Amino acid sequence: MKTSNYVLILDYGSQYTQLIARRVREARVYSEIHPFDRGLEVARRNRPGAIILSGGPASIYKERSPRLDPELIEMQVPLLGICYGLQAIAHTLGGVVQAAPEREYGRAALTGIRPDSVLLQGITEGAQVWMSHGDKVVRLPEKFRISASTSDAEAAAFESEDQRITGVQFHPEVAHTPQGATVIRNFLFRIAQLKPDWTMASFIDSTVLEVRERVGQDRVVAALSGGVDSSVMVALLHRAIGDQLHPVFVNNGLLRKNEAAEVLGAFQKLGIKLDYVDASRRFLQKLAGVTDPEQKRKIIGEEFIRVFEEEAERIPRVKFLAQGTLYPDVIESVSAKGGPSSTIKSHHNVGGLPETMRLELIEPLRELFKDEVRELGAQLGLPDEIVWRHPFPGPGLAVRILGEVNEEKIAVLQEADAIAMSEIRIAGLYRGIWQAFVVLLPVQSVGVMGDERTYEYVAALRAVDARDGMTADWSRIPHEVLSRISNRIINEVRGINRVVYDISSKPPSTIEWE
């Protein structure tokens, strides 16, 4: 994949960096994110067809702020700077960046668009763009010109005279810039002259070859949860190495209702043999008395690895552990490949891994987003009930039970969640919702049932719409469906007397509550 027909994205600390990669992928061009201070090293090793500089929270004119290596410009690779990236280009080439009198945040209108700007070809005058900056370019570098402005930023977009180096102060990668995809495509295809040749078929072919070369004659133990990610991972690795793969399905006692039986049945139909381990009591003992969500994730991550290592000892020549880690997992747990973006939370299979492991990791989906994984699963022949299953966190119900986890709470949550999913499916809404689930809150409220006072748990229903899980908005489930879900949970699940609906978006909230 590392040919001249790929885009190198340098991370300067923006929470939107992964969205840049996503939009480039949507245009069928392969992209990789690397920290800004490794940009020159990566570009020399695998000369990219184009480079994009992300936004970031720093001020380029301050000491120790992230900088742009001038040698990257000297490589003559087409360059697009976004927000901080634009300011880094200007500063590096002799322009001036200063603090703006007022921060420009939110929607703005793009005006004064140069008709001969290749980057802004097809962008309409007055087009809405999304701004998020406190500094601005007040003097351009030599041989640069302004391509467009907003009311608060004269240099809302600029370009070199040959239009090889371009920059935008706004964020074309976010949904709040409706014509942003056009800007990115103009850069990829009109300026950088790249080809849209990155497909799931090419990903399958290259990954199969890479896995076979790395594994050789050794064996791989795979962590299977039954969710979309791990299921697709197992199917892909099975295609690559066949019986050298040993998928282990660990029941940690934190699965959804009847999930273990459903997973075993699905893979039996696919002809893939699973090693089933019921470790539920072991996990629950480790979680006893634990309330901190990060500690829960790390305990579960540690215990998963230990279970897999124990299983691996029974299999000759096992050298690798395979996981279904995705790009959003990596980005939220640790800054992508070591860059400056902030950690949001640890995922059990990324930030929650123990420091010492006897097995080497194989993560074939590590650079993919969720919708790409679904497309991959379909091409691998997985059934719809697996491909379109809603995302489920690796730590399972442990992070959907706020506070301490025990068998009683798990049973209550399993029943409530099963009812909610049943009603959502009956209403024909399941496929259209990105993710839906029930959370058991560490709150008890007074109720009246059968003329008697109750004091029971509160359940929260969470349902979101998203394209890739990096941003999300709450789903507008019809009131009559919400009513049926609430009535059934309160009437049928002993231990819950109140149901609430979460109407928070991501950001500022995350999709999962913990």
Protein backbone atom coordinates (compact mmCIF):
# COMPACT_ATOMS: atom_id res chain seq x y z
CA MET A 1 0.00 0.00 0.00
CA LYS A 2 2.96 2.34 0.57
CA THR A 3 3.36 3.56 -2.99
CA SER A 4 3.37 7.05 -4.42
CA ASN A 5 -0.41 6.81 -4.71
CA TYR A 6 -1.07 7.34 -1.02
CA VAL A 7 -1.57 10.35 1.25
CA LEU A 8 0.62 11.02 4.26
CA ILE A 9 -1.36 12.86 6.97
CA LEU A 10 0.73 14.58 9.61
CA ASP A 11 -0.94 14.89 13.01
CA TYR A 12 -0.47 18.20 14.79
CA GLY A 13 -2.87 17.33 17.60
CA SER A 14 -6.33 17.89 16.15
CA GLN A 15 -9.20 15.67 17.30
CA TYR A 16 -10.32 15.83 13.66
CA THR A 17 -7.16 14.23 12.24
CA GLN A 18 -8.78 10.82 11.89
CA LEU A 19 -11.63 12.43 9.93
CA ILE A 20 -9.14 13.69 7.36
CA ALA A 21 -7.99 10.10 6.86
CA ARG A 22 -11.60 8.97 6.64
CA ARG A 23 -12.50 11.51 3.94
CA VAL A 24 -9.43 10.57 1.89
CA ARG A 25 -10.40 6.90 2.16
CA GLU A 26 -13.92 7.74 1.03
CA ALA A 27 -12.35 9.08 -2.14
CA ARG A 28 -10.74 5.63 -2.57
CA VAL A 29 -7.21 6.86 -1.89
CA TYR A 30 -5.14 5.14 0.79
CA SER A 31 -4.02 7.36 3.67
CA GLU A 32 -1.88 7.00 6.78
CA ILE A 33 -1.61 9.21 9.87
CA HIS A 34 1.81 9.82 11.41
CA PRO A 35 2.98 12.33 14.04
CA PHE A 36 4.27 15.58 12.59
CA ASP A 37 7.81 15.01 13.87
CA ARG A 38 8.12 11.75 11.94
CA GLY A 39 6.85 13.23 8.70
CA LEU A 40 10.19 13.61 6.96
CA GLU A 41 11.33 10.12 7.99
CA VAL A 42 8.14 8.51 6.68
CA ALA A 43 8.09 10.60 3.49
CA ARG A 44 11.68 9.65 2.67
CA ARG A 45 11.01 5.97 3.27
CA ASN A 46 7.70 5.80 1.37
CA ARG A 47 7.40 8.81 -0.87
CA PRO A 48 3.73 9.86 -0.72
CA GLY A 49 1.73 11.24 -3.60
CA ALA A 50 0.44 14.04 -1.36
CA ILE A 51 0.81 15.36 2.19
CA ILE A 52 -1.94 16.84 4.39
CA LEU A 53 -1.15 18.75 7.58
CA SER A 54 -3.84 18.52 10.27
CA GLY A 55 -5.13 21.18 12.61
CA GLY A 56 -3.93 21.45 16.19
CA PRO A 57 -4.34 23.39 19.46
CA ALA A 58 -0.92 25.12 19.51
CA SER A 59 0.15 28.56 18.27
CA ILE A 60 2.83 28.29 15.60
CA TYR A 61 4.60 31.49 16.69
CA LYS A 62 5.26 30.24 20.24
CA GLU A 63 8.39 28.40 21.32
CA ARG A 64 8.23 24.59 21.31
CA SER A 65 5.11 24.58 19.15
CA PRO A 66 4.92 21.77 16.54
CA ARG A 67 6.69 22.84 13.36
CA LEU A 68 6.74 21.88 9.70
CA ASP A 69 10.07 20.52 8.50
CA PRO A 70 11.17 22.69 5.53
CA GLU A 71 12.60 19.60 3.82
CA LEU A 72 9.06 18.30 3.36
CA ILE A 73 8.31 21.36 1.25
CA GLU A 74 11.54 20.88 -0.69
CA MET A 75 10.42 17.37 -1.69
CA GLN A 76 8.00 19.03 -4.14
CA VAL A 77 5.10 16.81 -2.99
CA PRO A 78 1.66 18.49 -3.24
CA LEU A 79 0.81 19.88 0.19
CA LEU A 80 -2.48 20.84 1.85
CA GLY A 81 -2.53 22.52 5.26
CA ILE A 82 -5.73 22.52 7.32
CA CYS A 83 -6.21 25.13 10.09
CA TYR A 84 -2.95 24.87 12.09
CA GLY A 85 -1.47 23.19 9.02
CA LEU A 86 -2.14 26.34 6.97
CA GLN A 87 -0.49 28.45 9.66
CA ALA A 88 2.52 26.10 9.78
CA ILE A 89 3.00 26.49 6.02
CA ALA A 90 2.75 30.28 6.25
CA HIS A 91 5.18 30.49 9.19
CA THR A 92 7.72 28.13 7.61
CA LEU A 93 7.79 30.03 4.32
CA GLY A 94 8.16 33.49 5.86
CA GLY A 95 4.56 34.55 6.38
CA VAL A 96 3.25 36.00 9.63
CA VAL A 97 0.73 34.36 11.98
CA GLN A 98 -0.70 36.26 14.94
CA ALA A 99 -3.36 35.85 17.59
CA ALA A 100 -6.72 36.96 16.21
CA PRO A 101 -8.64 39.69 18.10
CA GLU A 102 -11.51 37.22 18.45
CA ARG A 103 -11.49 33.48 18.11
CA GLU A 104 -13.44 32.25 15.08
CA TYR A 105 -15.38 29.16 16.05
CA GLY A 106 -18.38 27.61 14.32
CA ARG A 107 -20.00 28.21 10.97
CA ALA A 108 -18.72 30.87 8.59
CA ALA A 109 -19.39 31.83 4.96
CA LEU A 110 -16.65 31.54 2.34
CA THR A 111 -16.48 34.59 0.09
CA GLY A 112 -14.22 36.08 -2.55
CA ILE A 113 -13.44 32.66 -4.02
CA ARG A 114 -10.88 32.93 -6.81
CA PRO A 115 -12.42 31.53 -9.99
CA ASP A 116 -9.03 30.09 -11.04
CA SER A 117 -8.40 28.28 -7.73
CA VAL A 118 -8.08 24.57 -8.46
CA LEU A 119 -8.49 23.67 -4.78
CA LEU A 120 -11.82 25.51 -4.56
CA GLN A 121 -13.11 24.48 -7.97
CA GLY A 122 -16.87 23.93 -7.72
CA ILE A 123 -17.22 25.57 -4.28
CA THR A 124 -20.08 28.07 -4.35
CA GLU A 125 -19.76 31.68 -3.18
CA GLY A 126 -21.02 31.94 0.39
CA ALA A 127 -20.51 28.22 1.04
CA GLN A 128 -20.73 27.23 4.72
CA VAL A 129 -17.44 26.18 6.33
CA TRP A 130 -16.51 25.19 9.89
CA MET A 131 -13.95 27.30 11.72
CA SER A 132 -12.07 26.53 14.95
CA HIS A 133 -9.05 28.78 15.46
CA GLY A 134 -7.69 31.59 17.61
CA ASP A 135 -4.79 32.62 15.34
CA LYS A 136 -4.76 33.77 11.75
CA VAL A 137 -2.37 34.52 8.91
CA VAL A 138 -1.85 38.29 8.63
CA ARG A 139 0.87 38.24 5.97
CA LEU A 140 1.29 35.65 3.23
CA PRO A 141 4.59 34.09 2.21
CA GLU A 142 6.10 35.35 -1.03
CA LYS A 143 4.53 34.00 -4.22
CA PHE A 144 1.32 33.06 -2.41
CA ARG A 145 -2.18 34.47 -2.94
CA ILE A 146 -5.48 34.40 -1.09
CA SER A 147 -8.04 32.00 -2.57
CA ALA A 148 -11.00 32.83 -0.31
CA SER A 149 -11.95 34.76 2.83
CA THR A 150 -14.50 34.86 5.63
CA SER A 151 -15.68 37.84 7.66
CA ASP A 152 -13.03 37.16 10.34
CA ALA A 153 -10.22 35.57 8.32
CA GLU A 154 -8.98 37.24 5.16
CA ALA A 155 -6.75 34.24 4.42
CA ALA A 156 -9.43 31.58 4.83
CA ALA A 157 -7.68 29.76 1.98
CA PHE A 158 -4.42 30.42 0.18
CA GLU A 159 -2.24 28.81 -2.47
CA SER A 160 1.18 29.10 -4.04
CA GLU A 161 1.36 30.53 -7.53
CA ASP A 162 1.79 27.04 -9.00
CA GLN A 163 -1.02 25.78 -6.67
CA ARG A 164 1.15 22.88 -5.50
CA ILE A 165 1.06 24.18 -1.91
CA THR A 166 -2.40 25.04 -0.59
CA GLY A 167 -4.05 25.71 2.74
CA VAL A 168 -7.46 26.29 4.27
CA GLN A 169 -8.17 27.88 7.63
CA PHE A 170 -11.47 25.98 7.86
CA HIS A 171 -12.01 22.25 8.38
CA PRO A 172 -13.14 20.52 5.15
CA GLU A 173 -13.09 17.12 6.85
CA VAL A 174 -16.06 17.74 9.19
CA ALA A 175 -19.74 17.38 8.32
CA HIS A 176 -20.32 21.05 9.19
CA THR A 177 -18.47 21.98 5.98
CA PRO A 178 -21.01 20.55 3.49
CA GLN A 179 -18.75 21.03 0.45
CA GLY A 180 -15.62 19.89 2.27
CA ALA A 181 -15.42 16.61 0.38
CA THR A 182 -15.17 18.60 -2.86
CA VAL A 183 -12.17 20.53 -1.48
CA ILE A 184 -10.42 17.30 -0.50
CA ARG A 185 -11.17 15.65 -3.83
CA ASN A 186 -9.89 18.68 -5.70
CA PHE A 187 -6.63 18.38 -3.81
CA LEU A 188 -6.34 14.63 -4.35
CA PHE A 189 -7.29 14.44 -8.01
CA ARG A 190 -6.85 17.89 -9.58
CA ILE A 191 -3.71 18.99 -7.74
CA ALA A 192 -1.95 15.79 -6.64
CA GLN A 193 -3.20 13.75 -9.64
CA LEU A 194 -3.76 10.66 -7.50
CA LYS A 195 -5.81 7.66 -8.57
CA PRO A 196 -8.83 6.25 -6.69
CA ASP A 197 -7.47 2.71 -6.54
CA TRP A 198 -7.80 1.79 -2.86
CA THR A 199 -10.60 -0.78 -2.51
CA MET A 200 -11.54 -3.55 -0.11
CA ALA A 201 -10.49 -6.08 -2.74
CA SER A 202 -6.99 -4.58 -2.85
CA PHE A 203 -6.91 -4.45 0.96
CA ILE A 204 -7.81 -8.14 1.20
CA ASP A 205 -5.12 -9.13 -1.31
CA SER A 206 -2.36 -7.08 0.32
CA THR A 207 -3.29 -8.07 3.89
CA VAL A 208 -3.45 -11.78 3.07
CA LEU A 209 0.05 -11.60 1.57
CA GLU A 210 1.43 -9.60 4.51
CA VAL A 211 -0.06 -11.99 7.09
CA ARG A 212 1.25 -15.08 5.30
CA GLU A 213 4.73 -13.58 5.06
CA ARG A 214 4.81 -12.55 8.71
CA VAL A 215 3.32 -15.72 10.19
CA GLY A 216 5.25 -18.22 8.08
CA GLN A 217 4.81 -21.69 9.56
CA ASP A 218 3.84 -20.43 13.01
CA ARG A 219 0.33 -20.32 14.44
CA VAL A 220 -1.98 -17.51 15.50
CA VAL A 221 -4.44 -17.44 18.36
CA ALA A 222 -7.26 -14.96 17.67
CA ALA A 223 -9.36 -13.09 20.21
CA LEU A 224 -12.98 -13.47 19.11
CA SER A 225 -15.73 -11.54 20.89
CA GLY A 226 -18.48 -12.24 18.36
CA GLY A 227 -18.81 -8.59 17.41
CA VAL A 228 -18.33 -7.20 13.91
CA ASP A 229 -14.66 -6.32 14.28
CA SER A 230 -13.34 -9.57 15.70
CA SER A 231 -15.58 -11.66 13.44
CA VAL A 232 -14.29 -9.95 10.30
CA MET A 233 -10.74 -10.23 11.62
CA VAL A 234 -11.12 -13.99 12.10
CA ALA A 235 -12.64 -14.44 8.62
CA LEU A 236 -9.80 -12.46 7.03
CA LEU A 237 -7.06 -14.35 8.86
CA HIS A 238 -8.75 -17.67 8.13
CA ARG A 239 -8.57 -16.81 4.43
CA ALA A 240 -4.89 -15.97 4.83
CA ILE A 241 -3.60 -18.88 6.93
CA GLY A 242 -6.46 -21.40 7.27
CA ASP A 243 -5.90 -23.98 10.01
CA GLN A 244 -2.87 -22.08 11.33
CA LEU A 245 -5.47 -19.80 12.92
CA HIS A 246 -6.96 -20.78 16.28
CA PRO A 247 -9.89 -18.46 17.17
CA VAL A 248 -10.62 -18.39 20.89
CA PHE A 249 -14.03 -17.21 22.00
CA VAL A 250 -13.86 -16.18 25.65
CA ASN A 251 -17.10 -15.80 27.54
CA ASN A 252 -16.13 -13.21 30.13
CA GLY A 253 -19.60 -13.19 31.68
CA LEU A 254 -20.17 -9.70 30.30
CA LEU A 255 -21.85 -10.61 27.02
CA ARG A 256 -25.33 -9.75 25.84
CA LYS A 257 -28.21 -12.17 26.42
CA ASN A 258 -27.73 -15.49 24.57
CA GLU A 259 -24.66 -14.08 22.83
CA ALA A 260 -22.38 -17.05 23.44
CA ALA A 261 -24.79 -19.51 21.79
CA GLU A 262 -25.38 -17.15 18.84
CA VAL A 263 -21.66 -16.69 18.16
CA LEU A 264 -20.89 -20.40 18.32
CA GLY A 265 -23.76 -21.16 15.94
CA ALA A 266 -22.78 -18.47 13.43
CA PHE A 267 -19.17 -19.64 13.10
CA GLN A 268 -20.19 -23.27 12.92
CA LYS A 269 -22.18 -22.36 9.80
CA LEU A 270 -19.09 -20.65 8.36
CA GLY A 271 -17.03 -23.79 8.87
CA ILE A 272 -14.63 -22.08 11.28
CA LYS A 273 -13.93 -24.04 14.45
CA LEU A 274 -13.78 -22.02 17.68
CA ASP A 275 -12.08 -22.78 20.97
CA TYR A 276 -14.75 -21.81 23.53
CA VAL A 277 -13.62 -20.79 27.02
CA ASP A 278 -16.10 -19.94 29.77
CA ALA A 279 -14.09 -17.62 32.01
CA SER A 280 -17.02 -15.65 33.38
CA ARG A 281 -16.39 -16.42 37.05
CA ARG A 282 -12.71 -15.55 36.68
CA PHE A 283 -13.45 -12.12 35.19
CA LEU A 284 -16.15 -11.26 37.71
CA GLN A 285 -13.86 -12.11 40.61
CA LYS A 286 -11.24 -9.73 39.24
CA LEU A 287 -13.84 -6.96 38.87
CA ALA A 288 -15.29 -7.31 42.36
CA GLY A 289 -15.40 -3.93 44.09
CA VAL A 290 -13.98 -2.03 41.09
CA THR A 291 -15.88 1.12 40.07
CA ASP A 292 -13.37 3.18 38.05
CA PRO A 293 -14.00 2.67 34.29
CA GLU A 294 -10.33 2.87 33.29
CA GLN A 295 -9.44 0.29 35.91
CA LYS A 296 -12.24 -1.98 34.64
CA ARG A 297 -10.87 -1.77 31.09
CA LYS A 298 -7.31 -2.50 32.16
CA ILE A 299 -8.36 -5.44 34.35
CA ILE A 300 -10.38 -6.93 31.51
CA GLY A 301 -7.58 -6.31 28.99
CA GLU A 302 -5.05 -7.95 31.29
CA GLU A 303 -7.28 -10.95 31.97
CA PHE A 304 -8.09 -11.45 28.28
CA ILE A 305 -4.39 -11.63 27.46
CA ARG A 306 -3.73 -14.09 30.26
CA VAL A 307 -6.57 -16.35 29.10
CA PHE A 308 -5.29 -16.29 25.54
CA GLU A 309 -1.73 -17.00 26.66
CA GLU A 310 -2.96 -20.01 28.64
CA GLU A 311 -4.89 -21.28 25.63
CA ALA A 312 -1.89 -20.68 23.39
CA GLU A 313 0.28 -22.91 25.59
CA ARG A 314 -1.88 -25.85 24.51
CA ILE A 315 -1.24 -25.19 20.81
CA PRO A 316 2.17 -25.94 19.26
CA ARG A 317 4.13 -23.15 17.52
CA VAL A 318 1.80 -20.33 18.55
CA LYS A 319 3.67 -17.06 18.23
CA PHE A 320 0.98 -14.44 17.58
CA LEU A 321 -2.17 -13.01 19.16
CA ALA A 322 -4.67 -11.49 16.70
CA GLN A 323 -7.17 -8.80 17.70
CA GLY A 324 -9.91 -6.86 15.93
CA THR A 325 -8.53 -3.43 16.82
CA LEU A 326 -9.82 -0.60 14.60
CA TYR A 327 -8.45 2.85 13.82
CA PRO A 328 -10.91 4.67 16.15
CA ASP A 329 -9.78 2.36 19.00
CA VAL A 330 -6.19 3.36 18.39
CA ILE A 331 -6.91 7.07 18.04
CA GLU A 332 -9.05 7.30 21.19
CA SER A 333 -6.71 5.21 23.32
CA VAL A 334 -3.35 6.61 22.30
CA SER A 335 -2.43 9.32 19.86
CA ALA A 336 -2.25 7.78 16.40
CA LYS A 337 1.24 6.26 16.02
CA GLY A 338 2.54 8.45 18.84
CA GLY A 339 1.28 11.85 17.74
CA PRO A 340 0.13 14.71 19.96
CA SER A 341 -3.64 14.12 19.92
CA SER A 342 -5.24 13.75 23.36
CA THR A 343 -6.16 10.35 24.81
CA ILE A 344 -9.93 10.02 25.22
CA LYS A 345 -10.16 6.60 26.87
CA SER A 346 -8.29 3.32 26.91
CA HIS A 347 -9.72 0.48 24.84
CA HIS A 348 -9.12 -2.92 26.42
CA ASN A 349 -7.29 -4.12 23.31
CA VAL A 350 -5.10 -1.02 22.93
CA GLY A 351 -4.38 1.11 25.98
CA GLY A 352 -5.53 -1.69 28.28
CA LEU A 353 -2.94 -4.24 27.16
CA PRO A 354 -0.42 -5.37 29.77
CA GLU A 355 3.13 -4.10 29.36
CA THR A 356 4.60 -7.58 29.04
CA MET A 357 3.17 -10.22 26.71
CA ARG A 358 4.57 -13.52 25.47
CA LEU A 359 2.78 -13.26 22.13
CA GLU A 360 3.33 -10.82 19.26
CA LEU A 361 0.28 -8.84 18.15
CA ILE A 362 -1.37 -9.07 14.74
CA GLU A 363 -4.06 -6.44 14.14
CA PRO A 364 -5.07 -6.63 10.45
CA LEU A 365 -7.95 -4.12 10.83
CA ARG A 366 -5.93 -1.54 12.78
CA GLU A 367 -6.05 1.06 9.97
CA LEU A 368 -9.76 0.60 9.11
CA PHE A 369 -12.89 2.46 10.17
CA LYS A 370 -16.08 0.64 11.14
CA ASP A 371 -17.93 1.09 7.83
CA GLU A 372 -14.85 -0.16 5.98
CA VAL A 373 -14.87 -3.24 8.21
CA ARG A 374 -18.52 -3.88 7.33
CA GLU A 375 -17.67 -3.62 3.62
CA LEU A 376 -14.77 -6.00 4.16
CA GLY A 377 -16.98 -8.48 6.00
CA ALA A 378 -19.50 -8.50 3.16
CA GLN A 379 -16.74 -9.18 0.63
CA LEU A 380 -15.48 -12.04 2.79
CA GLY A 381 -18.96 -13.61 2.68
CA LEU A 382 -20.02 -13.08 6.29
CA PRO A 383 -23.81 -13.10 6.89
CA ASP A 384 -25.71 -9.85 7.45
CA GLU A 385 -26.47 -10.71 11.08
CA ILE A 386 -22.73 -10.46 11.78
CA VAL A 387 -21.78 -7.68 9.35
CA TRP A 388 -24.55 -5.32 10.51
CA ARG A 389 -24.42 -6.11 14.19
CA HIS A 390 -24.18 -2.99 16.33
CA PRO A 391 -20.74 -2.26 17.82
CA PHE A 392 -20.10 -3.81 21.21
CA PRO A 393 -17.22 -2.72 23.47
CA GLY A 394 -14.47 -5.22 24.21
CA PRO A 395 -15.04 -4.96 27.98
CA GLY A 396 -18.70 -5.76 27.29
CA LEU A 397 -21.36 -4.92 29.83
CA ALA A 398 -18.72 -3.95 32.39
CA VAL A 399 -18.63 -0.46 30.88
CA ARG A 400 -22.41 -0.32 30.50
CA ILE A 401 -22.89 -0.98 34.21
CA LEU A 402 -21.76 2.23 35.86
CA GLY A 403 -20.12 1.45 39.16
CA GLU A 404 -19.42 -2.00 40.55
CA VAL A 405 -20.19 -5.03 38.39
CA ASN A 406 -21.85 -8.16 39.77
CA GLU A 407 -23.96 -11.05 38.50
CA GLU A 408 -27.25 -9.49 39.59
CA LYS A 409 -26.62 -6.26 37.69
CA ILE A 410 -25.44 -8.16 34.61
CA ALA A 411 -28.63 -10.22 34.52
CA VAL A 412 -30.79 -7.10 34.89
CA LEU A 413 -28.95 -5.28 32.11
CA GLN A 414 -28.99 -8.28 29.76
CA GLU A 415 -32.78 -8.48 29.98
CA ALA A 416 -33.30 -4.74 29.52
CA ASP A 417 -30.92 -4.57 26.58
CA ALA A 418 -32.54 -7.58 24.87
CA ILE A 419 -35.96 -5.92 25.13
CA ALA A 420 -34.70 -2.65 23.66
CA MET A 421 -33.00 -4.38 20.73
CA SER A 422 -36.07 -6.50 20.08
CA GLU A 423 -38.36 -3.46 19.85
CA ILE A 424 -35.87 -1.57 17.67
CA ARG A 425 -35.73 -4.52 15.26
CA ILE A 426 -39.52 -4.91 15.22
CA ALA A 427 -39.82 -1.22 14.31
CA GLY A 428 -37.40 -1.74 11.39
CA LEU A 429 -34.88 0.70 12.87
CA TYR A 430 -31.93 -1.56 13.73
CA ARG A 431 -30.06 -1.36 10.41
CA GLY A 432 -30.39 2.43 10.24
CA ILE A 433 -29.05 3.07 13.76
CA TRP A 434 -25.27 3.04 14.17
CA GLN A 435 -25.36 1.74 17.73
CA ALA A 436 -28.03 1.23 20.38
CA PHE A 437 -27.79 -0.21 23.87
CA VAL A 438 -28.97 0.12 27.47
CA VAL A 439 -26.85 1.40 30.35
CA LEU A 440 -27.54 0.51 33.98
CA LEU A 441 -26.97 3.57 36.14
CA PRO A 442 -25.71 3.57 39.75
CA VAL A 443 -28.85 5.49 40.68
CA GLN A 444 -32.02 4.23 42.33
CA SER A 445 -35.27 6.13 42.22
CA VAL A 446 -38.65 5.90 43.89
CA GLY A 447 -41.52 4.41 41.92
CA VAL A 448 -44.99 2.96 42.43
CA MET A 449 -45.84 -0.49 41.08
CA GLY A 450 -49.03 -2.29 42.06
CA ASP A 451 -49.80 0.37 44.68
CA GLU A 452 -46.48 -0.39 46.35
CA ARG A 453 -43.45 1.82 46.70
CA THR A 454 -40.36 0.67 44.78
CA TYR A 455 -36.76 1.83 44.98
CA GLU A 456 -34.97 0.40 41.96
CA TYR A 457 -32.38 1.11 39.28
CA VAL A 458 -32.57 3.62 36.43
CA ALA A 459 -31.82 2.37 32.91
CA ALA A 460 -30.63 4.71 30.14
CA LEU A 461 -31.27 3.93 26.49
CA ARG A 462 -28.53 5.18 24.15
CA ALA A 463 -28.92 5.18 20.36
CA VAL A 464 -26.76 7.15 17.93
CA ASP A 465 -26.43 7.83 14.21
CA ALA A 466 -22.92 8.02 12.76
CA ARG A 467 -20.86 7.31 9.68
CA ASP A 468 -17.65 6.08 11.28
CA GLY A 469 -18.16 6.35 15.04
CA MET A 470 -15.73 9.25 15.40
CA THR A 471 -18.61 11.72 15.62
CA ALA A 472 -22.24 10.85 16.32
CA ASP A 473 -25.66 12.36 16.96
CA TRP A 474 -28.46 10.87 19.00
CA SER A 475 -31.05 8.91 17.02
CA ARG A 476 -34.54 10.35 16.65
CA ILE A 477 -36.37 7.15 17.60
CA PRO A 478 -40.15 7.61 17.29
CA HIS A 479 -41.86 8.30 20.59
CA GLU A 480 -44.14 5.29 20.27
CA VAL A 481 -41.10 3.00 19.99
CA LEU A 482 -39.47 4.61 23.02
CA SER A 483 -42.75 4.16 24.89
CA ARG A 484 -42.89 0.44 24.10
CA ILE A 485 -39.27 -0.04 25.16
CA SER A 486 -39.82 1.79 28.44
CA ASN A 487 -43.06 0.00 29.26
CA ARG A 488 -41.64 -3.44 28.55
CA ILE A 489 -38.43 -2.89 30.52
CA ILE A 490 -40.26 -1.56 33.58
CA ASN A 491 -42.91 -4.29 33.44
CA GLU A 492 -40.68 -7.25 32.58
CA VAL A 493 -37.31 -6.55 34.21
CA ARG A 494 -37.34 -6.83 37.98
CA GLY A 495 -34.95 -4.23 39.39
CA ILE A 496 -35.67 -1.30 37.02
CA ASN A 497 -38.47 1.21 37.60
CA ARG A 498 -37.35 4.12 35.42
CA VAL A 499 -36.06 4.45 31.83
CA VAL A 500 -34.43 7.60 30.39
CA TYR A 501 -33.22 8.40 26.86
CA ASP A 502 -29.75 9.85 26.26
CA ILE A 503 -29.86 12.77 23.78
CA SER A 504 -26.14 13.68 23.89
CA SER A 505 -23.99 13.93 20.77
CA LYS A 506 -20.34 12.98 20.26
CA PRO A 507 -18.57 15.29 20.88
CA PRO A 508 -18.87 16.47 23.61
CA SER A 509 -20.04 13.09 24.93
CA THR A 510 -18.64 9.72 23.89
CA ILE A 511 -20.92 6.99 22.54
CA GLU A 512 -20.33 4.62 25.45
CA TRP A 513 -20.93 6.02 28.93
CA GLU A 514 -17.63 4.66 30.27
